[in-house]
Structure formats: C-alpha cells, structure tokens
Amino acid sequence: MWRIRPLKTYESMGQESTKATIYAGTFPRSLDAKKRVAIPSAWITGEGDEFHVAPHPRERMLMIMREEELGKWEQKFQESRLAPQEKRRAIRAFYASARAVSADKQGRILLPEAHCEWAQLDGDVVFIGSPGRMEIWSVQNYQANEPADRSALQAAADESGL
C-alpha cells in the first residue's frame, strides 16, 4: 500500500512538527479501463493510506486529498458569510460527493465512474500539484485552462512585485 509523504519541518528547540502537505509538479497519466490511475511516485511512500476524492465545485476536475484537507472544506464553509441553512446544504453536498479511495500495491487508485464522467476523465489525464491536495484533469480541460492560469500567475507576480 502507498502513503502520501507529509512535509516535515523542524522548529526551534529541536521539536518536529508536520506542516500541510504540498504537492508540486505536473504528471501525465492514463486511466485504465477500470478507471484506475497511478498516483505520481514523488507523492507516495509505499505504506498504506486512504485518500478522499471529490469533484471540485466550480471546475471540471477531481481533487484527491487526505482526511485533514477534507476537513478544511467544512471549516471554510462554516467560516463563510452564507446563511446557516446554506452552509449546511453546501457541506452536505460536498461530503455527499466525496468518496474514500485507497492506493493498491502499484500506487493506483480507483476513481468513481460518476466522478470521471463529471470531470470528463477518459484515457489520458494530468495530475497537478496543489497545496494540500492533488488535482486530476482531463488533458483537454487542463490545456483549455492553462493559458488563463498562466495569465493569473503573471498578474499575481506583477501585483506582488515578483
């Protein structure tokens, strides 16, 4: 079984603490006929672990995250300015769409068919790194979004003085 590698930092006084995992990089992959896909080896250790996969609420891609990251979504909804009933509905809808998945001995996860249909995943896909989660995009959706992402990065760099 495979496990995501948490990033470790060492604070003063020699104490070790775990920071949020950051996944970096772009990795092309292929879904097999059963909708299994291999997690990039840079993001796994080889020990068993469970992940959660959920469709992104606004973009046609899937998010794969550990339990800690999944819990942050509820916290963000709770902290929003939505009315209490809308918060409950958003949380319910998000958790209803999330599914637990486990990596097999080859580091593959089985993606739910409905999730693959929603994200338009079939054949070639792309894993994208992100703070706290992995993203899986269809090659077509990723290529269609890449120019806008690059433009946003340039604007953010300009605004930040980088």
Protein backbone atom coordinates (compact mmCIF):
# COMPACT_ATOMS: atom_id res chain seq x y z
CA MET A 1 0.00 0.00 0.00
CA TRP A 2 1.10 3.59 -0.60
CA ARG A 3 1.12 6.65 1.63
CA ILE A 4 1.39 10.37 0.93
CA ARG A 5 4.57 11.89 2.30
CA PRO A 6 3.83 14.72 4.73
CA LEU A 7 6.37 17.51 4.65
CA LYS A 8 8.22 17.81 7.96
CA THR A 9 9.76 20.91 9.42
CA TYR A 10 11.92 21.29 12.45
CA GLU A 11 11.10 24.11 14.79
CA SER A 12 13.47 25.71 17.25
CA MET A 13 14.19 23.65 20.37
CA GLY A 14 14.57 20.57 18.17
CA GLN A 15 10.87 19.71 18.08
CA GLU A 16 9.50 18.16 14.94
CA SER A 17 6.16 19.32 13.53
CA THR A 18 4.15 18.31 10.49
CA LYS A 19 3.08 21.03 8.05
CA ALA A 20 0.41 20.72 5.42
CA THR A 21 1.50 18.54 2.54
CA ILE A 22 2.27 20.41 -0.63
CA TYR A 23 2.17 18.55 -3.93
CA ALA A 24 4.23 20.12 -6.70
CA GLY A 25 4.52 19.23 -10.34
CA THR A 26 2.58 18.16 -13.40
CA PHE A 27 2.39 14.46 -14.20
CA PRO A 28 0.70 12.92 -17.25
CA ARG A 29 -1.02 9.59 -16.59
CA SER A 30 -3.55 7.26 -18.18
CA LEU A 31 -6.75 5.82 -16.77
CA ASP A 32 -7.14 2.11 -17.40
CA ALA A 33 -10.44 0.53 -18.45
CA LYS A 34 -11.48 0.15 -14.79
CA LYS A 35 -10.81 3.87 -14.10
CA ARG A 36 -7.66 3.22 -12.08
CA VAL A 37 -4.82 5.73 -12.21
CA ALA A 38 -1.34 5.71 -10.66
CA ILE A 39 -0.50 8.45 -8.19
CA PRO A 40 2.83 10.11 -9.08
CA SER A 41 5.64 8.29 -7.26
CA ALA A 42 7.02 11.59 -5.95
CA TRP A 43 3.85 11.87 -3.85
CA ILE A 44 3.81 8.41 -2.25
CA THR A 45 5.95 6.44 0.19
CA GLY A 46 4.79 2.87 -0.21
CA GLU A 47 2.87 2.49 3.07
CA GLY A 48 -0.94 2.13 3.12
CA ASP A 49 -3.08 5.23 3.31
CA GLU A 50 -6.56 6.36 2.43
CA PHE A 51 -7.49 9.40 0.39
CA HIS A 52 -10.71 11.15 -0.45
CA VAL A 53 -11.69 12.11 -3.96
CA ALA A 54 -14.25 14.82 -4.66
CA PRO A 55 -15.24 16.82 -7.71
CA HIS A 56 -14.27 20.48 -7.48
CA PRO A 57 -17.44 22.57 -7.05
CA ARG A 58 -16.56 25.02 -9.87
CA GLU A 59 -14.01 23.37 -12.14
CA ARG A 60 -14.22 20.15 -14.17
CA MET A 61 -11.54 18.28 -12.26
CA LEU A 62 -11.19 15.95 -9.29
CA MET A 63 -9.42 16.70 -6.03
CA ILE A 64 -7.64 13.94 -4.13
CA MET A 65 -6.81 14.76 -0.55
CA ARG A 66 -6.10 13.33 2.83
CA GLU A 67 -8.65 13.43 5.63
CA GLU A 68 -7.13 16.56 7.19
CA GLU A 69 -7.58 18.52 3.97
CA LEU A 70 -11.15 17.26 3.53
CA GLY A 71 -11.99 18.66 6.97
CA LYS A 72 -10.72 22.09 5.92
CA TRP A 73 -13.52 22.34 3.37
CA GLU A 74 -16.14 22.13 6.12
CA GLN A 75 -14.26 24.76 8.10
CA LYS A 76 -14.17 27.10 5.09
CA PHE A 77 -17.90 26.66 4.52
CA GLN A 78 -18.58 27.31 8.23
CA GLU A 79 -16.47 30.50 8.11
CA SER A 80 -18.27 31.81 5.04
CA ARG A 81 -20.93 34.52 5.17
CA LEU A 82 -23.61 32.15 3.96
CA ALA A 83 -26.80 31.72 5.97
CA PRO A 84 -26.70 28.71 8.33
CA GLN A 85 -29.08 26.70 6.15
CA GLU A 86 -26.92 27.35 3.06
CA LYS A 87 -23.80 26.32 4.97
CA ARG A 88 -25.45 23.02 5.93
CA ARG A 89 -26.53 22.43 2.33
CA ALA A 90 -23.06 23.18 0.96
CA ILE A 91 -21.41 20.88 3.50
CA ARG A 92 -23.94 18.13 2.81
CA ALA A 93 -23.47 18.39 -0.97
CA PHE A 94 -19.69 18.41 -0.70
CA TYR A 95 -19.46 15.41 1.63
CA ALA A 96 -22.12 13.52 -0.35
CA SER A 97 -19.90 13.80 -3.43
CA ALA A 98 -16.67 12.77 -1.66
CA ARG A 99 -15.53 9.12 -1.79
CA ALA A 100 -12.83 7.28 0.13
CA VAL A 101 -10.22 5.60 -2.08
CA SER A 102 -7.13 3.57 -1.22
CA ALA A 103 -3.99 3.06 -3.25
CA ASP A 104 -3.18 -0.51 -4.27
CA LYS A 105 0.30 -2.07 -4.25
CA GLN A 106 1.11 -0.34 -7.55
CA GLY A 107 0.12 3.08 -6.19
CA ARG A 108 -3.12 3.18 -8.19
CA ILE A 109 -6.46 4.47 -7.00
CA LEU A 110 -9.86 3.55 -8.40
CA LEU A 111 -11.84 6.64 -9.36
CA PRO A 112 -15.65 6.52 -9.15
CA GLU A 113 -17.28 6.32 -12.58
CA ALA A 114 -19.64 9.25 -11.88
CA HIS A 115 -16.69 11.43 -10.86
CA CYS A 116 -14.84 10.56 -14.06
CA GLU A 117 -17.90 11.43 -16.15
CA TRP A 118 -18.35 14.78 -14.39
CA ALA A 119 -14.66 15.71 -14.78
CA GLN A 120 -14.59 14.36 -18.35
CA LEU A 121 -11.79 11.94 -17.49
CA ASP A 122 -11.14 9.18 -20.01
CA GLY A 123 -7.81 7.89 -21.25
CA ASP A 124 -5.07 10.46 -20.76
CA VAL A 125 -5.22 12.66 -17.66
CA VAL A 126 -2.91 15.08 -15.86
CA PHE A 127 -2.07 15.17 -12.14
CA ILE A 128 -1.46 18.73 -10.96
CA GLY A 129 0.12 19.57 -7.64
CA SER A 130 -1.57 21.95 -5.25
CA PRO A 131 -1.25 22.89 -1.56
CA GLY A 132 -2.89 20.11 0.44
CA ARG A 133 -4.30 18.18 -2.49
CA MET A 134 -3.70 16.62 -5.86
CA GLU A 135 -5.84 17.54 -8.83
CA ILE A 136 -6.71 15.27 -11.75
CA TRP A 137 -7.67 16.97 -15.00
CA SER A 138 -8.53 15.63 -18.43
CA VAL A 139 -5.77 16.64 -20.84
CA GLN A 140 -8.29 18.70 -22.83
CA ASN A 141 -9.64 20.62 -19.81
CA TYR A 142 -6.13 21.24 -18.49
CA GLN A 143 -4.92 22.56 -21.84
CA ALA A 144 -8.00 24.77 -22.17
CA ASN A 145 -7.40 26.29 -18.69
CA GLU A 146 -3.61 26.57 -18.87
CA PRO A 147 -3.45 29.98 -20.68
CA ALA A 148 -5.80 31.59 -18.11
CA ASP A 149 -3.82 30.01 -15.25
CA ARG A 150 -0.55 31.34 -16.67
CA SER A 151 -2.08 34.79 -17.12
CA ALA A 152 -3.33 34.75 -13.50
CA LEU A 153 0.17 33.76 -12.34
CA GLN A 154 1.72 36.64 -14.29
CA ALA A 155 -0.82 39.10 -12.87
CA ALA A 156 -0.21 37.83 -9.33
CA ALA A 157 3.57 38.09 -9.82
CA ASP A 158 3.21 41.65 -11.11
CA GLU A 159 0.88 42.62 -8.24
CA SER A 160 3.23 41.03 -5.70
CA GLY A 161 6.32 42.72 -7.12
CA LEU A 162 7.96 39.42 -8.08
